[in-house]
Amino acid sequence: MLTDRPAASAGLEKLISSRELREMIPYSAVHIWRLERDGKFPRRIHLGPRRIAWRKTEITEWIENKSKSR
């Protein structure tokens, strides 16, 4: 039986799409890929052959760390 519980209450971590990521961070897809490649950005999760996502908590932490280093 399926319920309409939010992911957090089910113990699942919130994932964000590439579109949501670019709304949070004004970088191009190529720049994000380069940062990932260089180990300077959280790694993406491959959900399928054409679907990727990032953990929202990791992205939020990355943004906070960038803000602190200013």
Protein backbone atom coordinates (compact mmCIF):
# COMPACT_ATOMS: atom_id res chain seq x y z
CA MET A 1 0.00 0.00 0.00
CA LEU A 2 1.35 3.41 -0.97
CA THR A 3 1.01 6.45 1.25
CA ASP A 4 1.49 10.14 0.62
CA ARG A 5 4.27 10.53 3.19
CA PRO A 6 7.11 12.94 2.45
CA ALA A 7 10.44 11.27 1.66
CA ALA A 8 12.07 12.59 4.85
CA SER A 9 9.54 10.88 7.10
CA ALA A 10 10.12 7.61 5.26
CA GLY A 11 13.84 7.86 6.02
CA LEU A 12 14.79 8.74 2.45
CA GLU A 13 17.06 11.61 1.56
CA LYS A 14 15.74 14.32 -0.76
CA LEU A 15 17.26 14.23 -4.23
CA ILE A 16 17.25 17.18 -6.62
CA SER A 17 17.27 17.17 -10.40
CA SER A 18 19.73 19.02 -12.61
CA ARG A 19 17.09 21.70 -13.17
CA GLU A 20 16.61 22.19 -9.42
CA LEU A 21 20.38 22.24 -8.96
CA ARG A 22 20.82 25.03 -11.51
CA GLU A 23 18.08 27.01 -9.74
CA MET A 24 20.14 26.79 -6.54
CA ILE A 25 23.56 27.33 -8.15
CA PRO A 26 23.98 29.61 -11.18
CA TYR A 27 26.59 27.44 -12.91
CA SER A 28 26.35 25.79 -16.30
CA ALA A 29 26.07 22.01 -16.56
CA VAL A 30 29.61 21.86 -17.96
CA HIS A 31 31.05 23.89 -15.06
CA ILE A 32 29.30 21.65 -12.53
CA TRP A 33 30.68 18.58 -14.31
CA ARG A 34 34.21 20.03 -14.18
CA LEU A 35 33.90 20.77 -10.47
CA GLU A 36 32.71 17.20 -9.88
CA ARG A 37 35.57 15.79 -11.96
CA ASP A 38 38.07 17.80 -9.90
CA GLY A 39 36.53 16.67 -6.59
CA LYS A 40 35.29 20.17 -5.74
CA PHE A 41 31.55 19.46 -5.91
CA PRO A 42 29.28 16.69 -4.61
CA ARG A 43 29.05 13.69 -6.93
CA ARG A 44 25.89 13.05 -8.91
CA ILE A 45 23.80 9.92 -8.52
CA HIS A 46 22.85 8.02 -11.67
CA LEU A 47 19.22 6.97 -11.34
CA GLY A 48 18.94 5.61 -14.86
CA PRO A 49 20.47 5.91 -18.31
CA ARG A 50 19.25 9.49 -18.75
CA ARG A 51 18.42 10.60 -15.21
CA ILE A 52 20.79 12.08 -12.63
CA ALA A 53 20.28 13.70 -9.25
CA TRP A 54 22.19 15.11 -6.30
CA ARG A 55 21.58 14.80 -2.56
CA LYS A 56 20.06 18.08 -1.44
CA THR A 57 21.87 17.97 1.92
CA GLU A 58 25.25 17.71 0.17
CA ILE A 59 24.45 20.63 -2.12
CA THR A 60 23.24 22.77 0.79
CA GLU A 61 26.43 21.99 2.74
CA TRP A 62 28.55 22.87 -0.32
CA ILE A 63 26.77 26.23 -0.64
CA GLU A 64 27.24 26.95 3.08
CA ASN A 65 30.95 26.10 2.90
CA LYS A 66 31.39 28.39 -0.11
CA SER A 67 29.64 31.20 1.80
CA LYS A 68 31.89 30.71 4.83
CA SER A 69 35.07 30.83 2.75
CA ARG A 70 34.26 34.31 1.40
